[in-house]
Amino acid sequence: MLKQLNGLLRVASELLTEQKNFDDSLEQRQREHLLVITGLPESTEQQRMDRAAADNRNVRQILNELNIDRCLPSAVFRLGKQREPGSKPRPIKVQFPCTAAVVEALRNKKKLVGGKFKGINIRKKACIDKI
């Protein structure tokens, strides 16, 4: 009976390890679909939906500047809590349905130097701990 319990515990441990590896792999693949935009000033709109719409418009303008034509973002939102006006703007997380748009944006990000989007930085999504 004790041998059977040890065997079951070993199998359960292996299953948990496999599940964690699968979850880590899935999270890594999802992260490959994400960009983070920093330095984009926050909207001064009073309503949350209006601020979100302004962020969405600005992100689409940036993507147009980068000549991204693979796919549109599936989600755009600010990270963290809203800060006081005049403080450092929160980063924007942009999720795409495909990795090709992320690769294209990173390849073309030098097009943002100067012009309307001077000071804007685009990078891959880092681990949650790093943001």
N, C-alpha and C. Protein backbone atom coordinates (compact mmCIF):
# COMPACT_ATOMS: atom_id res chain seq x y z
N MET A 1 0.83 -1.19 0.00
CA MET A 1 0.00 0.00 0.00
C MET A 1 0.87 1.26 0.00
N LEU A 2 1.93 1.23 0.79
CA LEU A 2 2.84 2.36 0.87
C LEU A 2 3.53 2.60 -0.47
N LYS A 3 3.89 1.50 -1.16
CA LYS A 3 4.53 1.62 -2.47
C LYS A 3 3.57 2.27 -3.47
N GLN A 4 2.29 1.89 -3.39
CA GLN A 4 1.30 2.46 -4.29
C GLN A 4 1.14 3.96 -4.05
N LEU A 5 1.11 4.35 -2.78
CA LEU A 5 0.99 5.78 -2.45
C LEU A 5 2.20 6.56 -2.94
N ASN A 6 3.39 5.99 -2.76
CA ASN A 6 4.60 6.65 -3.26
C ASN A 6 4.56 6.79 -4.78
N GLY A 7 4.09 5.74 -5.44
CA GLY A 7 3.97 5.79 -6.90
C GLY A 7 2.98 6.86 -7.34
N LEU A 8 1.85 6.95 -6.65
CA LEU A 8 0.85 7.97 -6.98
C LEU A 8 1.39 9.38 -6.73
N LEU A 9 2.12 9.54 -5.64
CA LEU A 9 2.72 10.85 -5.35
C LEU A 9 3.74 11.24 -6.42
N ARG A 10 4.52 10.29 -6.87
CA ARG A 10 5.50 10.55 -7.92
C ARG A 10 4.81 10.97 -9.22
N VAL A 11 3.75 10.25 -9.58
CA VAL A 11 2.99 10.58 -10.79
C VAL A 11 2.36 11.97 -10.66
N ALA A 12 1.79 12.26 -9.50
CA ALA A 12 1.17 13.58 -9.28
C ALA A 12 2.22 14.68 -9.38
N SER A 13 3.39 14.44 -8.84
CA SER A 13 4.47 15.43 -8.90
C SER A 13 4.89 15.68 -10.35
N GLU A 14 5.01 14.61 -11.12
CA GLU A 14 5.39 14.74 -12.54
C GLU A 14 4.32 15.51 -13.31
N LEU A 15 3.05 15.22 -13.03
CA LEU A 15 1.96 15.93 -13.71
C LEU A 15 1.97 17.42 -13.38
N LEU A 16 2.22 17.75 -12.13
CA LEU A 16 2.29 19.16 -11.73
C LEU A 16 3.46 19.86 -12.42
N THR A 17 4.58 19.19 -12.53
CA THR A 17 5.75 19.77 -13.21
C THR A 17 5.44 19.99 -14.68
N GLU A 18 4.81 19.01 -15.33
CA GLU A 18 4.44 19.16 -16.73
C GLU A 18 3.45 20.31 -16.92
N GLN A 19 2.49 20.44 -16.02
CA GLN A 19 1.50 21.52 -16.11
C GLN A 19 2.18 22.88 -15.98
N LYS A 20 3.12 23.00 -15.05
CA LYS A 20 3.83 24.26 -14.86
C LYS A 20 4.65 24.60 -16.10
N ASN A 21 5.32 23.59 -16.68
CA ASN A 21 6.09 23.82 -17.90
C ASN A 21 5.19 24.27 -19.04
N PHE A 22 4.01 23.65 -19.15
CA PHE A 22 3.05 24.04 -20.18
C PHE A 22 2.58 25.47 -19.96
N ASP A 23 2.26 25.82 -18.71
CA ASP A 23 1.81 27.18 -18.39
C ASP A 23 2.89 28.20 -18.71
N ASP A 24 4.14 27.88 -18.36
CA ASP A 24 5.26 28.79 -18.66
C ASP A 24 5.43 28.97 -20.16
N SER A 25 5.30 27.88 -20.89
CA SER A 25 5.44 27.94 -22.35
C SER A 25 4.32 28.78 -22.96
N LEU A 26 3.10 28.59 -22.48
CA LEU A 26 1.96 29.36 -22.97
C LEU A 26 2.14 30.84 -22.67
N GLU A 27 2.59 31.16 -21.47
CA GLU A 27 2.82 32.55 -21.09
C GLU A 27 3.89 33.18 -21.98
N GLN A 28 4.94 32.43 -22.28
CA GLN A 28 6.01 32.93 -23.14
C GLN A 28 5.47 33.22 -24.54
N ARG A 29 4.64 32.32 -25.08
CA ARG A 29 4.07 32.53 -26.41
C ARG A 29 3.15 33.74 -26.42
N GLN A 30 2.38 33.93 -25.35
CA GLN A 30 1.50 35.10 -25.28
C GLN A 30 2.32 36.38 -25.21
N ARG A 31 3.44 36.34 -24.50
CA ARG A 31 4.30 37.51 -24.36
C ARG A 31 4.89 37.93 -25.71
N GLU A 32 5.06 36.99 -26.62
CA GLU A 32 5.60 37.28 -27.95
C GLU A 32 4.62 38.11 -28.79
N HIS A 33 3.38 38.21 -28.36
CA HIS A 33 2.36 38.98 -29.07
C HIS A 33 2.20 40.39 -28.49
N LEU A 34 3.07 40.77 -27.57
CA LEU A 34 2.91 42.03 -26.84
C LEU A 34 4.03 43.02 -27.10
N LEU A 35 3.65 44.29 -27.14
CA LEU A 35 4.59 45.40 -27.18
C LEU A 35 4.28 46.31 -26.00
N VAL A 36 5.29 47.03 -25.56
CA VAL A 36 5.09 48.05 -24.54
C VAL A 36 5.57 49.37 -25.12
N ILE A 37 4.72 50.38 -25.06
CA ILE A 37 5.06 51.72 -25.53
C ILE A 37 5.21 52.61 -24.31
N THR A 38 6.35 53.27 -24.20
CA THR A 38 6.59 54.18 -23.08
C THR A 38 6.84 55.58 -23.61
N GLY A 39 6.56 56.55 -22.76
CA GLY A 39 6.81 57.94 -23.12
C GLY A 39 5.65 58.65 -23.79
N LEU A 40 4.55 57.96 -24.02
CA LEU A 40 3.38 58.58 -24.66
C LEU A 40 2.58 59.31 -23.59
N PRO A 41 2.45 60.64 -23.71
CA PRO A 41 1.72 61.40 -22.68
C PRO A 41 0.29 60.88 -22.51
N GLU A 42 -0.19 60.99 -21.28
CA GLU A 42 -1.55 60.54 -20.99
C GLU A 42 -2.56 61.60 -21.39
N SER A 43 -3.73 61.14 -21.76
CA SER A 43 -4.82 62.04 -22.13
C SER A 43 -5.29 62.82 -20.91
N THR A 44 -5.78 64.02 -21.15
CA THR A 44 -6.32 64.84 -20.06
C THR A 44 -7.84 64.72 -19.97
N GLU A 45 -8.42 63.82 -20.75
CA GLU A 45 -9.87 63.60 -20.72
C GLU A 45 -10.29 63.17 -19.31
N GLN A 46 -11.50 63.56 -18.91
CA GLN A 46 -12.00 63.24 -17.58
C GLN A 46 -12.54 61.81 -17.49
N GLN A 47 -13.20 61.36 -18.53
CA GLN A 47 -13.83 60.04 -18.52
C GLN A 47 -12.84 58.95 -18.93
N ARG A 48 -12.93 57.81 -18.25
CA ARG A 48 -12.03 56.69 -18.54
C ARG A 48 -12.12 56.23 -19.98
N MET A 49 -13.33 56.11 -20.48
CA MET A 49 -13.51 55.62 -21.85
C MET A 49 -12.91 56.60 -22.86
N ASP A 50 -13.01 57.88 -22.58
CA ASP A 50 -12.42 58.88 -23.47
C ASP A 50 -10.90 58.80 -23.45
N ARG A 51 -10.32 58.58 -22.26
CA ARG A 51 -8.86 58.42 -22.16
C ARG A 51 -8.40 57.17 -22.90
N ALA A 52 -9.16 56.08 -22.75
CA ALA A 52 -8.82 54.84 -23.44
C ALA A 52 -8.91 55.01 -24.96
N ALA A 53 -9.94 55.73 -25.42
CA ALA A 53 -10.09 55.99 -26.85
C ALA A 53 -8.93 56.83 -27.37
N ALA A 54 -8.50 57.81 -26.59
CA ALA A 54 -7.36 58.65 -26.99
C ALA A 54 -6.09 57.80 -27.08
N ASP A 55 -5.87 56.92 -26.12
CA ASP A 55 -4.71 56.03 -26.17
C ASP A 55 -4.77 55.14 -27.41
N ASN A 56 -5.95 54.62 -27.69
CA ASN A 56 -6.13 53.75 -28.85
C ASN A 56 -5.81 54.51 -30.14
N ARG A 57 -6.29 55.74 -30.26
CA ARG A 57 -6.00 56.57 -31.44
C ARG A 57 -4.50 56.82 -31.57
N ASN A 58 -3.86 57.18 -30.46
CA ASN A 58 -2.42 57.46 -30.49
C ASN A 58 -1.61 56.22 -30.88
N VAL A 59 -1.99 55.07 -30.35
CA VAL A 59 -1.29 53.83 -30.69
C VAL A 59 -1.46 53.53 -32.17
N ARG A 60 -2.65 53.72 -32.69
CA ARG A 60 -2.88 53.47 -34.13
C ARG A 60 -2.07 54.44 -34.99
N GLN A 61 -1.92 55.68 -34.55
CA GLN A 61 -1.08 56.63 -35.28
C GLN A 61 0.38 56.19 -35.26
N ILE A 62 0.82 55.71 -34.12
CA ILE A 62 2.20 55.21 -34.02
C ILE A 62 2.39 54.02 -34.95
N LEU A 63 1.43 53.10 -34.96
CA LEU A 63 1.52 51.93 -35.83
C LEU A 63 1.50 52.33 -37.30
N ASN A 64 0.73 53.36 -37.64
CA ASN A 64 0.75 53.87 -39.02
C ASN A 64 2.12 54.43 -39.36
N GLU A 65 2.72 55.15 -38.42
CA GLU A 65 4.05 55.72 -38.62
C GLU A 65 5.09 54.61 -38.83
N LEU A 66 4.87 53.48 -38.18
CA LEU A 66 5.78 52.34 -38.29
C LEU A 66 5.48 51.45 -39.49
N ASN A 67 4.45 51.80 -40.25
CA ASN A 67 4.02 51.03 -41.43
C ASN A 67 3.64 49.59 -41.07
N ILE A 68 2.92 49.43 -39.98
CA ILE A 68 2.45 48.10 -39.58
C ILE A 68 1.18 47.81 -40.35
N ASP A 69 1.23 46.79 -41.19
CA ASP A 69 0.03 46.43 -41.96
C ASP A 69 -0.32 44.95 -41.82
N ARG A 70 0.32 44.29 -40.90
CA ARG A 70 0.06 42.85 -40.70
C ARG A 70 -1.31 42.62 -40.06
N CYS A 71 -1.55 43.30 -38.95
CA CYS A 71 -2.80 43.14 -38.23
C CYS A 71 -2.98 44.29 -37.27
N LEU A 72 -4.21 44.51 -36.86
CA LEU A 72 -4.51 45.56 -35.89
C LEU A 72 -4.35 45.01 -34.48
N PRO A 73 -4.07 45.87 -33.51
CA PRO A 73 -3.97 45.38 -32.14
C PRO A 73 -5.32 44.86 -31.65
N SER A 74 -5.27 43.80 -30.87
CA SER A 74 -6.50 43.26 -30.30
C SER A 74 -6.82 43.89 -28.94
N ALA A 75 -5.81 44.51 -28.31
CA ALA A 75 -6.03 45.19 -27.03
C ALA A 75 -4.97 46.27 -26.84
N VAL A 76 -5.40 47.41 -26.28
CA VAL A 76 -4.51 48.52 -25.96
C VAL A 76 -4.93 49.05 -24.60
N PHE A 77 -4.01 49.06 -23.63
CA PHE A 77 -4.37 49.63 -22.33
C PHE A 77 -3.13 50.07 -21.56
N ARG A 78 -3.36 51.02 -20.66
CA ARG A 78 -2.29 51.53 -19.79
C ARG A 78 -2.05 50.55 -18.66
N LEU A 79 -0.80 50.46 -18.25
CA LEU A 79 -0.43 49.61 -17.12
C LEU A 79 -0.38 50.44 -15.85
N GLY A 80 -0.87 49.90 -14.76
CA GLY A 80 -0.80 50.58 -13.48
C GLY A 80 -1.97 51.53 -13.25
N LYS A 81 -1.92 52.19 -12.09
CA LYS A 81 -2.97 53.14 -11.71
C LYS A 81 -2.68 54.51 -12.31
N GLN A 82 -3.75 55.25 -12.53
CA GLN A 82 -3.60 56.60 -13.07
C GLN A 82 -2.80 57.46 -12.09
N ARG A 83 -1.91 58.27 -12.65
CA ARG A 83 -1.04 59.12 -11.82
C ARG A 83 -1.50 60.57 -11.90
N GLU A 84 -0.89 61.37 -11.06
CA GLU A 84 -1.20 62.81 -11.04
C GLU A 84 -0.79 63.44 -12.37
N PRO A 85 -1.54 64.45 -12.83
CA PRO A 85 -1.15 65.15 -14.06
C PRO A 85 0.26 65.72 -13.94
N GLY A 86 1.02 65.62 -15.01
CA GLY A 86 2.38 66.14 -15.02
C GLY A 86 3.43 65.12 -14.59
N SER A 87 2.99 63.98 -14.05
CA SER A 87 3.96 62.95 -13.66
C SER A 87 4.28 62.06 -14.87
N LYS A 88 5.22 61.18 -14.68
CA LYS A 88 5.66 60.29 -15.75
C LYS A 88 4.47 59.46 -16.26
N PRO A 89 4.25 59.42 -17.59
CA PRO A 89 3.11 58.65 -18.11
C PRO A 89 3.31 57.14 -17.93
N ARG A 90 2.20 56.47 -17.69
CA ARG A 90 2.23 55.02 -17.55
C ARG A 90 2.52 54.37 -18.90
N PRO A 91 3.17 53.20 -18.89
CA PRO A 91 3.39 52.48 -20.15
C PRO A 91 2.07 51.98 -20.73
N ILE A 92 2.07 51.77 -22.02
CA ILE A 92 0.90 51.21 -22.71
C ILE A 92 1.26 49.82 -23.20
N LYS A 93 0.40 48.87 -22.90
CA LYS A 93 0.57 47.50 -23.36
C LYS A 93 -0.30 47.32 -24.60
N VAL A 94 0.31 46.80 -25.66
CA VAL A 94 -0.39 46.59 -26.93
C VAL A 94 -0.31 45.11 -27.27
N GLN A 95 -1.47 44.48 -27.41
CA GLN A 95 -1.51 43.06 -27.73
C GLN A 95 -1.95 42.88 -29.18
N PHE A 96 -1.22 42.01 -29.90
CA PHE A 96 -1.52 41.71 -31.29
C PHE A 96 -1.95 40.25 -31.43
N PRO A 97 -2.77 39.94 -32.44
CA PRO A 97 -3.13 38.55 -32.67
C PRO A 97 -2.02 37.75 -33.34
N CYS A 98 -0.98 38.44 -33.84
CA CYS A 98 0.12 37.73 -34.51
C CYS A 98 1.46 38.32 -34.07
N THR A 99 2.49 37.50 -34.11
CA THR A 99 3.82 37.97 -33.72
C THR A 99 4.48 38.78 -34.83
N ALA A 100 4.03 38.61 -36.06
CA ALA A 100 4.63 39.32 -37.19
C ALA A 100 4.53 40.83 -37.01
N ALA A 101 3.43 41.32 -36.47
CA ALA A 101 3.27 42.76 -36.25
C ALA A 101 4.25 43.25 -35.20
N VAL A 102 4.50 42.46 -34.17
CA VAL A 102 5.46 42.83 -33.13
C VAL A 102 6.85 42.93 -33.72
N VAL A 103 7.24 41.93 -34.50
CA VAL A 103 8.56 41.92 -35.14
C VAL A 103 8.71 43.13 -36.06
N GLU A 104 7.66 43.41 -36.84
CA GLU A 104 7.69 44.54 -37.77
C GLU A 104 7.81 45.87 -37.03
N ALA A 105 7.08 46.01 -35.93
CA ALA A 105 7.14 47.25 -35.14
C ALA A 105 8.53 47.45 -34.55
N LEU A 106 9.12 46.39 -34.02
CA LEU A 106 10.46 46.50 -33.44
C LEU A 106 11.50 46.81 -34.52
N ARG A 107 11.32 46.25 -35.70
CA ARG A 107 12.25 46.50 -36.80
C ARG A 107 12.16 47.96 -37.28
N ASN A 108 10.96 48.53 -37.26
CA ASN A 108 10.74 49.87 -37.79
C ASN A 108 10.74 50.97 -36.74
N LYS A 109 11.02 50.66 -35.49
CA LYS A 109 10.88 51.65 -34.42
C LYS A 109 11.79 52.86 -34.58
N LYS A 110 12.84 52.74 -35.36
CA LYS A 110 13.72 53.89 -35.59
C LYS A 110 13.01 55.00 -36.37
N LYS A 111 11.90 54.68 -37.01
CA LYS A 111 11.13 55.69 -37.75
C LYS A 111 10.47 56.71 -36.82
N LEU A 112 10.41 56.39 -35.53
CA LEU A 112 9.78 57.30 -34.57
C LEU A 112 10.73 58.39 -34.08
N VAL A 113 12.02 58.27 -34.39
CA VAL A 113 12.99 59.27 -33.94
C VAL A 113 12.66 60.60 -34.58
N GLY A 114 12.49 61.63 -33.76
CA GLY A 114 12.08 62.94 -34.28
C GLY A 114 10.60 62.93 -34.62
N GLY A 115 10.12 64.03 -35.11
CA GLY A 115 8.73 64.13 -35.52
C GLY A 115 7.77 64.14 -34.35
N LYS A 116 6.53 63.78 -34.65
CA LYS A 116 5.45 63.84 -33.67
C LYS A 116 5.66 62.92 -32.47
N PHE A 117 6.31 61.79 -32.69
CA PHE A 117 6.44 60.79 -31.63
C PHE A 117 7.85 60.74 -31.06
N LYS A 118 8.52 61.87 -31.04
CA LYS A 118 9.86 61.96 -30.45
C LYS A 118 9.75 61.62 -28.95
N GLY A 119 10.66 60.81 -28.46
CA GLY A 119 10.65 60.43 -27.05
C GLY A 119 9.83 59.19 -26.75
N ILE A 120 9.19 58.63 -27.76
CA ILE A 120 8.40 57.41 -27.58
C ILE A 120 9.33 56.21 -27.75
N ASN A 121 9.21 55.24 -26.86
CA ASN A 121 10.03 54.04 -26.95
C ASN A 121 9.13 52.83 -27.09
N ILE A 122 9.54 51.90 -27.94
CA ILE A 122 8.79 50.66 -28.15
C ILE A 122 9.73 49.50 -27.84
N ARG A 123 9.21 48.55 -27.07
CA ARG A 123 10.01 47.37 -26.73
C ARG A 123 9.10 46.17 -26.58
N LYS A 124 9.74 45.01 -26.54
CA LYS A 124 8.98 43.79 -26.28
C LYS A 124 8.46 43.81 -24.86
N LYS A 125 7.42 43.07 -24.63
CA LYS A 125 6.87 42.94 -23.28
C LYS A 125 7.83 42.14 -22.44
N ALA A 126 8.23 42.69 -21.30
CA ALA A 126 9.11 41.99 -20.37
C ALA A 126 8.28 41.19 -19.39
N CYS A 127 8.94 40.47 -18.54
CA CYS A 127 8.25 39.74 -17.47
C CYS A 127 7.53 40.75 -16.59
N ILE A 128 6.47 40.34 -15.95
CA ILE A 128 5.70 41.20 -15.06
C ILE A 128 6.60 41.80 -13.99
N ASP A 129 7.56 41.05 -13.50
CA ASP A 129 8.46 41.54 -12.46
C ASP A 129 9.26 42.75 -12.91
N LYS A 130 9.53 42.86 -14.20
CA LYS A 130 10.38 43.93 -14.70
C LYS A 130 9.63 45.22 -14.97
N ILE A 131 8.31 45.17 -14.99
CA ILE A 131 7.54 46.38 -15.32
C ILE A 131 7.08 47.05 -14.06
